[in-house]
Amino acid sequence: MSYPIIDLRSDTFTLPSLEMRQAMAYAPVGDDVFGEDPTVNELEKYCAELFGTEAALYCTSGTQSNQIAINVHTHPGDEVICADLAHIYIYEGGGIALNSGCSVRLLSGDLGRFTAQDVLNNINNKNDIHLPLTRLVCIEDTVNKGGGAIWDFEEIKKIRKVCDENNLILHCDGARLFNALIETGISPAEYASQFDSISICLSKGLGAPVGSILVGSKAFIAKSKRRRKSMGGGMRQAGIIAAGALFALKNNVTRMAIDHQNAKEISAILKQHPLIQSIFPTTTNIVIAQTKKQDGALEMVEWLKERGIMCFPFGPDKIRFVFHLDINDEKMNQLKSVLLP
C-alpha cells in the first residue's frame, strides 16, 4: 500500500503557495547591496515598524542573523550566556567561537529556559583578569530542543533588569518567535521592547522560502549590515525572495494557531501509542516524543517512513514532529490513522 508523504521533519519544508510565487515573480527589484531594492527596503521597514525598532536587516538565514548579532554585540574573548539547549550553541557550526572568538557559559534550565537569578549567578567578576568578560545574554523563543517551549515574558523582563544593572546586552533568537506571540497574545513591539536585538526566521512556520530578519537600533543595524557583507551575505536583486517573506508576514501569522492545535492533537494521540514513553509539554507547533526503548527513535522513524510519515530523530530515544502550513486536514486525518493504536 502506498501512502502520501506527510513531512513533519521541520517547518522548513513548507512550499510557497501560488499566491506567494506570484508575489515573488512580480516583485520590483534592484541592487540591495546599494540599498536600492524596493522590496527588500519595504520588508525591512515593515519589520522595524511591526517590532517597534529603529531598523531591520534582511539576512539569508537565522544562523546568519544570530551570528551577526553576536559578533556585533561582543569582542573577541568575551563570554556569551545561553542555555545548554540553545540553537546558537548546538546547531550553528560553532559560530560563536569561529566568527566572534567568544567563550560560552551554558545554563541548564527548564526546557531550555533559565531565570534572571541564573543569569545573575553566572556573571563573571570583571575585575578578575583570569575570567572572560560577560557581555551578552541570549535566549531562544520558542525553544526548539525544548519542544517549542515558550518563555515567560515576566521572567524575560527580570532578565532585562539584570542585564541593565550589569551592563549586559540581551539578544533573542526568535527563530519561531511568532509561534510564541500567537500563543501568548503579546504584541511584537511589546516583546521587542525588552531586547537589544531579535532575529526572526521567515522560512520556518511562516512559510517563506528564504531568509531571516534582524531588528534593533539604527546603530546596531548599520554595524550588522557591514558584518553581513563580510560574511558574504550581501545580496543583489534580493527582492524576489524578500517578496515571499513579506507575503508570509502579511498572510501567514495568525494561521499558526492551526499548527499549534494540530500539534496538541497529535501529542495527545502519541501519549497513548504503545512505543511512546512520554511527550514533552506541547504548547506550540513542535511535538517531541520519547520512546520506551532507549534506542528506539530510529526504529520508529523508519516505521513511520514506511507509512508515509516523515519525522526527525532527536536523539537515540526522541522523535520530533513539527507542524506547519502544508499539513492540511487530509494529511492530519492520514497521520491520525497511522498513529492511533
C-alpha atoms as a PDB file:
ATOM      1  CA  MET A   1       0.000   0.000   0.000  1.00  0.00           C
ATOM      2  CA  SER A   2       1.351   3.437  -0.903  1.00  0.00           C
ATOM      3  CA  TYR A   3       0.869   6.406   1.384  1.00  0.00           C
ATOM      4  CA  PRO A   4       1.036  10.141   0.650  1.00  0.00           C
ATOM      5  CA  ILE A   5       4.149  11.788   2.079  1.00  0.00           C
ATOM      6  CA  ILE A   6       3.448  13.848   5.181  1.00  0.00           C
ATOM      7  CA  ASP A   7       6.651  15.714   6.012  1.00  0.00           C
ATOM      8  CA  LEU A   8       6.932  16.665   9.666  1.00  0.00           C
ATOM      9  CA  ARG A   9      10.728  16.720   9.895  1.00  0.00           C
ATOM     10  CA  SER A  10      10.703  20.521  10.192  1.00  0.00           C
ATOM     11  CA  ASP A  11       8.596  23.576   9.413  1.00  0.00           C
ATOM     12  CA  THR A  12      11.313  24.485   6.899  1.00  0.00           C
ATOM     13  CA  PHE A  13       9.777  22.003   4.453  1.00  0.00           C
ATOM     14  CA  THR A  14       6.907  24.311   3.517  1.00  0.00           C
ATOM     15  CA  LEU A  15       6.450  25.119  -0.170  1.00  0.00           C
ATOM     16  CA  PRO A  16       5.439  28.597  -1.381  1.00  0.00           C
ATOM     17  CA  SER A  17       1.789  28.888  -2.358  1.00  0.00           C
ATOM     18  CA  LEU A  18       0.685  30.056  -5.797  1.00  0.00           C
ATOM     19  CA  GLU A  19      -0.098  33.494  -4.359  1.00  0.00           C
ATOM     20  CA  MET A  20       3.343  33.731  -2.757  1.00  0.00           C
ATOM     21  CA  ARG A  21       5.010  32.658  -6.009  1.00  0.00           C
ATOM     22  CA  GLN A  22       3.070  35.342  -7.878  1.00  0.00           C
ATOM     23  CA  ALA A  23       4.150  37.995  -5.370  1.00  0.00           C
ATOM     24  CA  MET A  24       7.759  36.895  -5.858  1.00  0.00           C
ATOM     25  CA  ALA A  25       7.509  36.763  -9.653  1.00  0.00           C
ATOM     26  CA  TYR A  26       6.236  40.327  -9.962  1.00  0.00           C
ATOM     27  CA  ALA A  27       8.218  41.958  -7.135  1.00  0.00           C
ATOM     28  CA  PRO A  28      10.049  45.174  -8.063  1.00  0.00           C
ATOM     29  CA  VAL A  29      13.779  44.628  -7.564  1.00  0.00           C
ATOM     30  CA  GLY A  30      17.079  46.497  -7.514  1.00  0.00           C
ATOM     31  CA  ASP A  31      20.581  46.078  -6.119  1.00  0.00           C
ATOM     32  CA  ASP A  32      20.231  45.584  -2.377  1.00  0.00           C
ATOM     33  CA  VAL A  33      23.961  45.972  -1.697  1.00  0.00           C
ATOM     34  CA  PHE A  34      23.468  49.563  -2.897  1.00  0.00           C
ATOM     35  CA  GLY A  35      20.282  49.790  -0.821  1.00  0.00           C
ATOM     36  CA  GLU A  36      18.223  50.060  -3.999  1.00  0.00           C
ATOM     37  CA  ASP A  37      15.969  47.003  -3.879  1.00  0.00           C
ATOM     38  CA  PRO A  38      12.500  48.435  -3.163  1.00  0.00           C
ATOM     39  CA  THR A  39      11.030  45.127  -1.979  1.00  0.00           C
ATOM     40  CA  VAL A  40      13.846  44.468   0.480  1.00  0.00           C
ATOM     41  CA  ASN A  41      13.508  48.036   1.729  1.00  0.00           C
ATOM     42  CA  GLU A  42       9.766  47.533   2.162  1.00  0.00           C
ATOM     43  CA  LEU A  43      10.328  44.282   4.076  1.00  0.00           C
ATOM     44  CA  GLU A  44      12.854  45.870   6.420  1.00  0.00           C
ATOM     45  CA  LYS A  45      10.629  48.904   7.018  1.00  0.00           C
ATOM     46  CA  TYR A  46       7.618  46.670   7.657  1.00  0.00           C
ATOM     47  CA  CYS A  47       9.512  44.569  10.215  1.00  0.00           C
ATOM     48  CA  ALA A  48      11.012  47.560  12.006  1.00  0.00           C
ATOM     49  CA  GLU A  49       7.570  49.123  12.360  1.00  0.00           C
ATOM     50  CA  LEU A  50       5.987  45.822  13.403  1.00  0.00           C
ATOM     51  CA  PHE A  51       8.526  45.311  16.202  1.00  0.00           C
ATOM     52  CA  GLY A  52       8.774  48.975  17.134  1.00  0.00           C
ATOM     53  CA  THR A  53      12.508  49.140  16.451  1.00  0.00           C
ATOM     54  CA  GLU A  54      14.517  51.763  14.612  1.00  0.00           C
ATOM     55  CA  ALA A  55      15.713  49.490  11.817  1.00  0.00           C
ATOM     56  CA  ALA A  56      15.838  45.979  10.389  1.00  0.00           C
ATOM     57  CA  LEU A  57      18.127  43.930   8.156  1.00  0.00           C
ATOM     58  CA  TYR A  58      17.230  41.096   5.783  1.00  0.00           C
ATOM     59  CA  CYS A  59      19.632  38.157   6.139  1.00  0.00           C
ATOM     60  CA  THR A  60      19.943  34.853   4.349  1.00  0.00           C
ATOM     61  CA  SER A  61      19.204  32.647   7.367  1.00  0.00           C
ATOM     62  CA  GLY A  62      18.507  32.559  11.073  1.00  0.00           C
ATOM     63  CA  THR A  63      22.006  31.304  11.726  1.00  0.00           C
ATOM     64  CA  GLN A  64      23.448  34.258   9.832  1.00  0.00           C
ATOM     65  CA  SER A  65      21.286  36.803  11.659  1.00  0.00           C
ATOM     66  CA  ASN A  66      22.141  35.281  15.045  1.00  0.00           C
ATOM     67  CA  GLN A  67      25.848  35.156  14.295  1.00  0.00           C
ATOM     68  CA  ILE A  68      25.853  38.727  13.022  1.00  0.00           C
ATOM     69  CA  ALA A  69      24.149  39.888  16.220  1.00  0.00           C
ATOM     70  CA  ILE A  70      26.593  38.018  18.452  1.00  0.00           C
ATOM     71  CA  ASN A  71      29.539  39.400  16.501  1.00  0.00           C
ATOM     72  CA  VAL A  72      28.324  42.998  16.653  1.00  0.00           C
ATOM     73  CA  HIS A  73      27.464  42.822  20.356  1.00  0.00           C
ATOM     74  CA  THR A  74      30.740  41.261  21.533  1.00  0.00           C
ATOM     75  CA  HIS A  75      34.530  41.473  21.334  1.00  0.00           C
ATOM     76  CA  PRO A  76      36.929  38.527  20.994  1.00  0.00           C
ATOM     77  CA  GLY A  77      37.487  36.971  24.407  1.00  0.00           C
ATOM     78  CA  ASP A  78      34.077  37.933  25.777  1.00  0.00           C
ATOM     79  CA  GLU A  79      31.628  35.398  27.182  1.00  0.00           C
ATOM     80  CA  VAL A  80      28.086  34.689  25.989  1.00  0.00           C
ATOM     81  CA  ILE A  81      25.455  33.321  28.361  1.00  0.00           C
ATOM     82  CA  CYS A  82      22.901  30.959  26.810  1.00  0.00           C
ATOM     83  CA  ALA A  83      21.025  27.743  27.562  1.00  0.00           C
ATOM     84  CA  ASP A  84      22.670  24.359  27.118  1.00  0.00           C
ATOM     85  CA  LEU A  85      19.898  23.571  24.608  1.00  0.00           C
ATOM     86  CA  ALA A  86      20.367  26.783  22.610  1.00  0.00           C
ATOM     87  CA  HIS A  87      20.388  26.663  18.825  1.00  0.00           C
ATOM     88  CA  ILE A  88      23.189  29.243  18.713  1.00  0.00           C
ATOM     89  CA  TYR A  89      25.381  26.822  20.666  1.00  0.00           C
ATOM     90  CA  ILE A  90      24.341  23.400  19.289  1.00  0.00           C
ATOM     91  CA  TYR A  91      23.291  23.968  15.692  1.00  0.00           C
ATOM     92  CA  GLU A  92      25.227  26.929  14.292  1.00  0.00           C
ATOM     93  CA  GLY A  93      28.501  25.233  13.424  1.00  0.00           C
ATOM     94  CA  GLY A  94      30.500  26.571  16.353  1.00  0.00           C
ATOM     95  CA  GLY A  95      29.852  30.053  15.016  1.00  0.00           C
ATOM     96  CA  ILE A  96      30.230  31.821  18.357  1.00  0.00           C
ATOM     97  CA  ALA A  97      33.853  30.700  18.552  1.00  0.00           C
ATOM     98  CA  LEU A  98      34.552  30.794  14.820  1.00  0.00           C
ATOM     99  CA  ASN A  99      33.037  34.186  14.000  1.00  0.00           C
ATOM    100  CA  SER A 100      33.362  36.105  17.245  1.00  0.00           C
ATOM    101  CA  GLY A 101      36.117  34.437  19.279  1.00  0.00           C
ATOM    102  CA  CYS A 102      33.884  34.237  22.328  1.00  0.00           C
ATOM    103  CA  SER A 103      33.505  31.607  25.009  1.00  0.00           C
ATOM    104  CA  VAL A 104      30.100  30.375  26.167  1.00  0.00           C
ATOM    105  CA  ARG A 105      28.596  29.971  29.632  1.00  0.00           C
ATOM    106  CA  LEU A 106      25.904  27.300  29.389  1.00  0.00           C
ATOM    107  CA  LEU A 107      22.932  27.364  31.739  1.00  0.00           C
ATOM    108  CA  SER A 108      20.734  24.377  32.494  1.00  0.00           C
ATOM    109  CA  GLY A 109      17.076  25.115  32.974  1.00  0.00           C
ATOM    110  CA  ASP A 110      13.515  24.153  32.239  1.00  0.00           C
ATOM    111  CA  LEU A 111      13.288  23.002  28.595  1.00  0.00           C
ATOM    112  CA  GLY A 112      15.967  25.493  27.571  1.00  0.00           C
ATOM    113  CA  ARG A 113      14.691  28.364  29.699  1.00  0.00           C
ATOM    114  CA  PHE A 114      16.651  29.882  32.565  1.00  0.00           C
ATOM    115  CA  THR A 115      15.881  32.581  35.118  1.00  0.00           C
ATOM    116  CA  ALA A 116      17.126  36.056  35.890  1.00  0.00           C
ATOM    117  CA  GLN A 117      18.733  34.634  39.018  1.00  0.00           C
ATOM    118  CA  ASP A 118      20.590  32.109  36.870  1.00  0.00           C
ATOM    119  CA  VAL A 119      21.982  34.968  34.797  1.00  0.00           C
ATOM    120  CA  LEU A 120      22.970  36.926  37.885  1.00  0.00           C
ATOM    121  CA  ASN A 121      24.736  33.877  39.339  1.00  0.00           C
ATOM    122  CA  ASN A 122      26.806  33.430  36.183  1.00  0.00           C
ATOM    123  CA  ILE A 123      28.149  36.921  35.537  1.00  0.00           C
ATOM    124  CA  ASN A 124      31.919  36.887  35.817  1.00  0.00           C
ATOM    125  CA  ASN A 125      33.794  39.251  38.104  1.00  0.00           C
ATOM    126  CA  LYS A 126      35.003  41.946  35.704  1.00  0.00           C
ATOM    127  CA  ASN A 127      37.951  42.683  37.978  1.00  0.00           C
ATOM    128  CA  ASP A 128      39.286  39.121  37.809  1.00  0.00           C
ATOM    129  CA  ILE A 129      41.746  39.039  34.901  1.00  0.00           C
ATOM    130  CA  HIS A 130      41.539  35.230  34.760  1.00  0.00           C
ATOM    131  CA  LEU A 131      37.920  35.354  33.582  1.00  0.00           C
ATOM    132  CA  PRO A 132      36.360  36.435  30.287  1.00  0.00           C
ATOM    133  CA  LEU A 133      34.127  39.475  30.421  1.00  0.00           C
ATOM    134  CA  THR A 134      30.457  38.549  30.446  1.00  0.00           C
ATOM    135  CA  ARG A 135      28.970  40.602  27.624  1.00  0.00           C
ATOM    136  CA  LEU A 136      25.865  39.056  26.083  1.00  0.00           C
ATOM    137  CA  VAL A 137      22.825  37.036  27.173  1.00  0.00           C
ATOM    138  CA  CYS A 138      20.921  35.079  24.514  1.00  0.00           C
ATOM    139  CA  ILE A 139      17.557  33.385  24.810  1.00  0.00           C
ATOM    140  CA  GLU A 140      15.719  31.283  22.205  1.00  0.00           C
ATOM    141  CA  ASP A 141      11.942  31.678  21.909  1.00  0.00           C
ATOM    142  CA  THR A 142      10.396  29.237  21.255  1.00  0.00           C
ATOM    143  CA  VAL A 143      12.963  26.634  22.321  1.00  0.00           C
ATOM    144  CA  ASN A 144      13.457  24.061  19.570  1.00  0.00           C
ATOM    145  CA  LYS A 145      15.155  21.443  21.779  1.00  0.00           C
ATOM    146  CA  GLY A 146      12.577  22.180  24.472  1.00  0.00           C
ATOM    147  CA  GLY A 147       9.696  21.055  22.270  1.00  0.00           C
ATOM    148  CA  GLY A 148       8.616  24.553  21.272  1.00  0.00           C
ATOM    149  CA  ALA A 149       8.574  25.830  24.857  1.00  0.00           C
ATOM    150  CA  ILE A 150       7.599  29.494  25.313  1.00  0.00           C
ATOM    151  CA  TRP A 151       9.472  31.841  27.637  1.00  0.00           C
ATOM    152  CA  ASP A 152       7.589  33.532  30.463  1.00  0.00           C
ATOM    153  CA  PHE A 153       7.517  37.200  29.454  1.00  0.00           C
ATOM    154  CA  GLU A 154       7.642  38.306  33.081  1.00  0.00           C
ATOM    155  CA  GLU A 155      10.887  36.356  33.506  1.00  0.00           C
ATOM    156  CA  ILE A 156      12.265  37.998  30.359  1.00  0.00           C
ATOM    157  CA  LYS A 157      11.571  41.374  31.961  1.00  0.00           C
ATOM    158  CA  LYS A 158      13.524  40.288  35.040  1.00  0.00           C
ATOM    159  CA  ILE A 159      16.422  39.159  32.853  1.00  0.00           C
ATOM    160  CA  ARG A 160      16.317  42.557  31.111  1.00  0.00           C
ATOM    161  CA  LYS A 161      16.604  44.231  34.505  1.00  0.00           C
ATOM    162  CA  VAL A 162      19.634  42.107  35.426  1.00  0.00           C
ATOM    163  CA  CYS A 163      21.220  42.966  32.076  1.00  0.00           C
ATOM    164  CA  ASP A 164      20.616  46.681  32.583  1.00  0.00           C
ATOM    165  CA  GLU A 165      22.068  46.590  36.088  1.00  0.00           C
ATOM    166  CA  ASN A 166      25.183  44.742  34.924  1.00  0.00           C
ATOM    167  CA  ASN A 167      25.821  46.440  31.581  1.00  0.00           C
ATOM    168  CA  LEU A 168      24.920  43.308  29.583  1.00  0.00           C
ATOM    169  CA  ILE A 169      23.300  43.037  26.152  1.00  0.00           C
ATOM    170  CA  LEU A 170      20.207  40.885  25.564  1.00  0.00           C
ATOM    171  CA  HIS A 171      19.559  39.126  22.234  1.00  0.00           C
ATOM    172  CA  CYS A 172      16.676  36.866  21.252  1.00  0.00           C
ATOM    173  CA  ASP A 173      16.991  34.035  18.761  1.00  0.00           C
ATOM    174  CA  GLY A 174      13.391  34.313  17.634  1.00  0.00           C
ATOM    175  CA  ALA A 175      13.504  31.567  15.017  1.00  0.00           C
ATOM    176  CA  ARG A 176       9.931  30.644  15.944  1.00  0.00           C
ATOM    177  CA  LEU A 177       9.028  33.828  17.802  1.00  0.00           C
ATOM    178  CA  PHE A 178       5.696  34.290  16.036  1.00  0.00           C
ATOM    179  CA  ASN A 179       4.618  30.883  17.348  1.00  0.00           C
ATOM    180  CA  ALA A 180       5.179  32.244  20.855  1.00  0.00           C
ATOM    181  CA  LEU A 181       3.427  35.549  20.162  1.00  0.00           C
ATOM    182  CA  ILE A 182       0.365  33.890  18.625  1.00  0.00           C
ATOM    183  CA  GLU A 183       0.029  31.663  21.668  1.00  0.00           C
ATOM    184  CA  THR A 184       0.573  34.390  24.293  1.00  0.00           C
ATOM    185  CA  GLY A 185      -1.090  37.351  22.560  1.00  0.00           C
ATOM    186  CA  ILE A 186       1.887  39.607  23.297  1.00  0.00           C
ATOM    187  CA  SER A 187       2.434  42.130  20.515  1.00  0.00           C
ATOM    188  CA  PRO A 188       5.718  42.113  18.574  1.00  0.00           C
ATOM    189  CA  ALA A 189       6.503  45.666  19.708  1.00  0.00           C
ATOM    190  CA  GLU A 190       5.878  44.933  23.387  1.00  0.00           C
ATOM    191  CA  TYR A 191       8.044  41.843  23.187  1.00  0.00           C
ATOM    192  CA  ALA A 192      10.868  43.601  21.324  1.00  0.00           C
ATOM    193  CA  SER A 193      10.967  46.389  23.897  1.00  0.00           C
ATOM    194  CA  GLN A 194      12.910  44.063  26.206  1.00  0.00           C
ATOM    195  CA  PHE A 195      15.724  43.224  23.779  1.00  0.00           C
ATOM    196  CA  ASP A 196      18.693  44.915  22.170  1.00  0.00           C
ATOM    197  CA  SER A 197      18.208  42.737  19.092  1.00  0.00           C
ATOM    198  CA  ILE A 198      15.989  39.940  17.792  1.00  0.00           C
ATOM    199  CA  SER A 199      16.392  37.594  14.842  1.00  0.00           C
ATOM    200  CA  ILE A 200      13.168  36.290  13.307  1.00  0.00           C
ATOM    201  CA  CYS A 201      13.219  33.363  10.889  1.00  0.00           C
ATOM    202  CA  LEU A 202      10.862  33.715   7.924  1.00  0.00           C
ATOM    203  CA  SER A 203      11.416  30.282   6.362  1.00  0.00           C
ATOM    204  CA  LYS A 204      10.007  28.141   9.166  1.00  0.00           C
ATOM    205  CA  GLY A 205       6.362  28.291  10.242  1.00  0.00           C
ATOM    206  CA  LEU A 206       5.741  31.483   8.287  1.00  0.00           C
ATOM    207  CA  GLY A 207       6.374  29.590   5.055  1.00  0.00           C
ATOM    208  CA  ALA A 208       8.714  31.926   3.163  1.00  0.00           C
ATOM    209  CA  PRO A 209      11.341  30.121   1.076  1.00  0.00           C
ATOM    210  CA  VAL A 210      14.397  32.088   2.272  1.00  0.00           C
ATOM    211  CA  GLY A 211      15.557  34.441   4.939  1.00  0.00           C
ATOM    212  CA  SER A 212      15.596  35.921   8.404  1.00  0.00           C
ATOM    213  CA  ILE A 213      15.142  39.440   9.735  1.00  0.00           C
ATOM    214  CA  LEU A 214      17.344  41.100  12.341  1.00  0.00           C
ATOM    215  CA  VAL A 215      15.822  44.051  14.216  1.00  0.00           C
ATOM    216  CA  GLY A 216      17.375  46.620  16.533  1.00  0.00           C
ATOM    217  CA  SER A 217      18.641  50.187  16.739  1.00  0.00           C
ATOM    218  CA  LYS A 218      19.917  52.126  13.714  1.00  0.00           C
ATOM    219  CA  ALA A 219      23.477  51.956  15.027  1.00  0.00           C
ATOM    220  CA  PHE A 220      23.243  48.207  15.601  1.00  0.00           C
ATOM    221  CA  ILE A 221      21.761  47.542  12.156  1.00  0.00           C
ATOM    222  CA  ALA A 222      24.407  49.732  10.467  1.00  0.00           C
ATOM    223  CA  LYS A 223      27.138  47.624  12.059  1.00  0.00           C
ATOM    224  CA  SER A 224      25.201  44.453  11.255  1.00  0.00           C
ATOM    225  CA  LYS A 225      24.972  45.392   7.587  1.00  0.00           C
ATOM    226  CA  ARG A 226      28.757  45.734   7.448  1.00  0.00           C
ATOM    227  CA  ARG A 227      29.160  42.373   9.191  1.00  0.00           C
ATOM    228  CA  ARG A 228      26.614  40.755   6.843  1.00  0.00           C
ATOM    229  CA  LYS A 229      28.733  41.907   3.896  1.00  0.00           C
ATOM    230  CA  SER A 230      31.911  40.421   5.357  1.00  0.00           C
ATOM    231  CA  MET A 231      30.074  37.133   5.905  1.00  0.00           C
ATOM    232  CA  GLY A 232      29.134  37.007   2.228  1.00  0.00           C
ATOM    233  CA  GLY A 233      25.534  37.963   2.872  1.00  0.00           C
ATOM    234  CA  GLY A 234      25.272  40.936   0.537  1.00  0.00           C
ATOM    235  CA  MET A 235      22.548  40.015  -1.959  1.00  0.00           C
ATOM    236  CA  ARG A 236      21.711  41.785  -5.187  1.00  0.00           C
ATOM    237  CA  GLN A 237      18.154  41.546  -6.568  1.00  0.00           C
ATOM    238  CA  ALA A 238      17.002  40.030  -3.317  1.00  0.00           C
ATOM    239  CA  GLY A 239      13.508  41.461  -3.666  1.00  0.00           C
ATOM    240  CA  ILE A 240      12.476  38.238  -5.396  1.00  0.00           C
ATOM    241  CA  ILE A 241      12.860  36.334  -2.145  1.00  0.00           C
ATOM    242  CA  ALA A 242      12.012  39.274   0.117  1.00  0.00           C
ATOM    243  CA  ALA A 243       8.587  39.368  -1.559  1.00  0.00           C
ATOM    244  CA  GLY A 244       7.933  35.842  -0.311  1.00  0.00           C
ATOM    245  CA  ALA A 245       8.898  36.946   3.191  1.00  0.00           C
ATOM    246  CA  LEU A 246       6.586  39.970   3.020  1.00  0.00           C
ATOM    247  CA  PHE A 247       3.721  37.808   1.811  1.00  0.00           C
ATOM    248  CA  ALA A 248       4.329  35.386   4.680  1.00  0.00           C
ATOM    249  CA  LEU A 249       4.326  38.143   7.299  1.00  0.00           C
ATOM    250  CA  LYS A 250       1.122  39.656   5.947  1.00  0.00           C
ATOM    251  CA  ASN A 251      -0.782  36.400   5.416  1.00  0.00           C
ATOM    252  CA  ASN A 252       0.616  33.501   7.430  1.00  0.00           C
ATOM    253  CA  VAL A 253       0.978  34.694  11.016  1.00  0.00           C
ATOM    254  CA  THR A 254      -2.437  34.247  12.600  1.00  0.00           C
ATOM    255  CA  ARG A 255      -2.972  30.874  10.920  1.00  0.00           C
ATOM    256  CA  MET A 256      -0.115  29.453  13.027  1.00  0.00           C
ATOM    257  CA  ALA A 257      -2.755  28.741  15.667  1.00  0.00           C
ATOM    258  CA  ILE A 258      -3.879  25.859  13.431  1.00  0.00           C
ATOM    259  CA  ASP A 259      -0.400  24.341  13.598  1.00  0.00           C
ATOM    260  CA  HIS A 260      -0.478  24.556  17.385  1.00  0.00           C
ATOM    261  CA  GLN A 261      -3.862  22.836  17.552  1.00  0.00           C
ATOM    262  CA  ASN A 262      -2.685  20.088  15.195  1.00  0.00           C
ATOM    263  CA  ALA A 263       0.414  19.544  17.322  1.00  0.00           C
ATOM    264  CA  LYS A 264      -1.638  19.268  20.501  1.00  0.00           C
ATOM    265  CA  GLU A 265      -3.986  16.738  18.893  1.00  0.00           C
ATOM    266  CA  ILE A 266      -1.120  14.531  17.777  1.00  0.00           C
ATOM    267  CA  SER A 267       0.595  14.934  21.130  1.00  0.00           C
ATOM    268  CA  ALA A 268      -2.499  13.531  22.846  1.00  0.00           C
ATOM    269  CA  ILE A 269      -2.607  10.574  20.426  1.00  0.00           C
ATOM    270  CA  LEU A 270       1.098   9.811  20.832  1.00  0.00           C
ATOM    271  CA  LYS A 271       0.683   9.632  24.613  1.00  0.00           C
ATOM    272  CA  GLN A 272      -1.423   6.502  24.011  1.00  0.00           C
ATOM    273  CA  HIS A 273       0.961   4.921  21.488  1.00  0.00           C
ATOM    274  CA  PRO A 274       2.484   1.622  22.674  1.00  0.00           C
ATOM    275  CA  LEU A 275       6.015   2.607  21.559  1.00  0.00           C
ATOM    276  CA  ILE A 276       6.000   6.010  23.316  1.00  0.00           C
ATOM    277  CA  GLN A 277       7.069   6.548  26.915  1.00  0.00           C
ATOM    278  CA  SER A 278       6.290  10.258  27.294  1.00  0.00           C
ATOM    279  CA  ILE A 279       5.752  13.556  25.479  1.00  0.00           C
ATOM    280  CA  PHE A 280       7.337  16.937  26.140  1.00  0.00           C
ATOM    281  CA  PRO A 281       4.738  19.598  27.065  1.00  0.00           C
ATOM    282  CA  THR A 282       3.235  20.707  23.748  1.00  0.00           C
ATOM    283  CA  THR A 283       2.453  24.430  23.596  1.00  0.00           C
ATOM    284  CA  THR A 284       3.214  25.442  20.014  1.00  0.00           C
ATOM    285  CA  ASN A 285       3.933  23.556  16.770  1.00  0.00           C
ATOM    286  CA  ILE A 286       6.593  21.088  17.945  1.00  0.00           C
ATOM    287  CA  VAL A 287       5.962  17.641  19.420  1.00  0.00           C
ATOM    288  CA  ILE A 288       8.855  15.721  20.967  1.00  0.00           C
ATOM    289  CA  ALA A 289       8.105  12.103  21.865  1.00  0.00           C
ATOM    290  CA  GLN A 290      10.344   9.860  23.930  1.00  0.00           C
ATOM    291  CA  THR A 291      10.336   6.176  23.010  1.00  0.00           C
ATOM    292  CA  LYS A 292      10.070   3.383  25.546  1.00  0.00           C
ATOM    293  CA  LYS A 293      13.231   1.802  24.155  1.00  0.00           C
ATOM    294  CA  GLN A 294      16.390   3.737  24.999  1.00  0.00           C
ATOM    295  CA  ASP A 295      17.487   3.488  21.360  1.00  0.00           C
ATOM    296  CA  GLY A 296      14.039   3.350  19.775  1.00  0.00           C
ATOM    297  CA  ALA A 297      13.986   6.613  17.809  1.00  0.00           C
ATOM    298  CA  LEU A 298      15.463   5.393  14.528  1.00  0.00           C
ATOM    299  CA  GLU A 299      13.307   2.275  14.537  1.00  0.00           C
ATOM    300  CA  MET A 300      10.126   4.296  14.940  1.00  0.00           C
ATOM    301  CA  VAL A 301      11.225   6.914  12.397  1.00  0.00           C
ATOM    302  CA  GLU A 302      11.703   4.117   9.842  1.00  0.00           C
ATOM    303  CA  TRP A 303       8.374   2.525  10.764  1.00  0.00           C
ATOM    304  CA  LEU A 304       6.610   5.845  10.194  1.00  0.00           C
ATOM    305  CA  LYS A 305       8.514   6.498   6.971  1.00  0.00           C
ATOM    306  CA  GLU A 306       7.223   3.214   5.549  1.00  0.00           C
ATOM    307  CA  ARG A 307       3.744   4.587   6.164  1.00  0.00           C
ATOM    308  CA  GLY A 308       4.361   7.951   4.520  1.00  0.00           C
ATOM    309  CA  ILE A 309       5.178   9.923   7.687  1.00  0.00           C
ATOM    310  CA  MET A 310       8.490  11.803   7.750  1.00  0.00           C
ATOM    311  CA  CYS A 311       9.763  12.873  11.175  1.00  0.00           C
ATOM    312  CA  PHE A 312      13.131  13.601  12.747  1.00  0.00           C
ATOM    313  CA  PRO A 313      15.194  11.556  15.246  1.00  0.00           C
ATOM    314  CA  PHE A 314      16.068  13.964  18.041  1.00  0.00           C
ATOM    315  CA  GLY A 315      18.471  11.679  19.872  1.00  0.00           C
ATOM    316  CA  PRO A 316      18.563   7.914  20.447  1.00  0.00           C
ATOM    317  CA  ASP A 317      15.186   7.865  22.194  1.00  0.00           C
ATOM    318  CA  LYS A 318      13.436  11.030  20.995  1.00  0.00           C
ATOM    319  CA  ILE A 319      11.474  11.931  17.871  1.00  0.00           C
ATOM    320  CA  ARG A 320      10.455  15.401  16.732  1.00  0.00           C
ATOM    321  CA  PHE A 321       7.324  16.257  14.736  1.00  0.00           C
ATOM    322  CA  VAL A 322       6.956  19.863  13.525  1.00  0.00           C
ATOM    323  CA  PHE A 323       3.609  21.127  12.219  1.00  0.00           C
ATOM    324  CA  HIS A 324       3.301  23.788   9.539  1.00  0.00           C
ATOM    325  CA  LEU A 325       1.010  25.326   6.942  1.00  0.00           C
ATOM    326  CA  ASP A 326       1.349  22.433   4.471  1.00  0.00           C
ATOM    327  CA  ILE A 327      -0.251  19.996   6.931  1.00  0.00           C
ATOM    328  CA  ASN A 328      -3.901  20.219   5.900  1.00  0.00           C
ATOM    329  CA  ASP A 329      -6.962  18.340   7.158  1.00  0.00           C
ATOM    330  CA  GLU A 330      -6.407  15.458   4.749  1.00  0.00           C
ATOM    331  CA  LYS A 331      -2.849  14.958   5.947  1.00  0.00           C
ATOM    332  CA  MET A 332      -3.917  15.246   9.576  1.00  0.00           C
ATOM    333  CA  ASN A 333      -6.513  12.513   9.066  1.00  0.00           C
ATOM    334  CA  GLN A 334      -3.910  10.275   7.431  1.00  0.00           C
ATOM    335  CA  LEU A 335      -1.459  10.955  10.249  1.00  0.00           C
ATOM    336  CA  LYS A 336      -4.065  10.100  12.869  1.00  0.00           C
ATOM    337  CA  SER A 337      -4.966   6.860  11.110  1.00  0.00           C
ATOM    338  CA  VAL A 338      -1.324   5.765  11.239  1.00  0.00           C
ATOM    339  CA  LEU A 339      -0.684   6.805  14.849  1.00  0.00           C
ATOM    340  CA  LEU A 340      -3.883   5.694  16.516  1.00  0.00           C
ATOM    341  CA  PRO A 341      -3.195   2.453  18.415  1.00  0.00           C
END
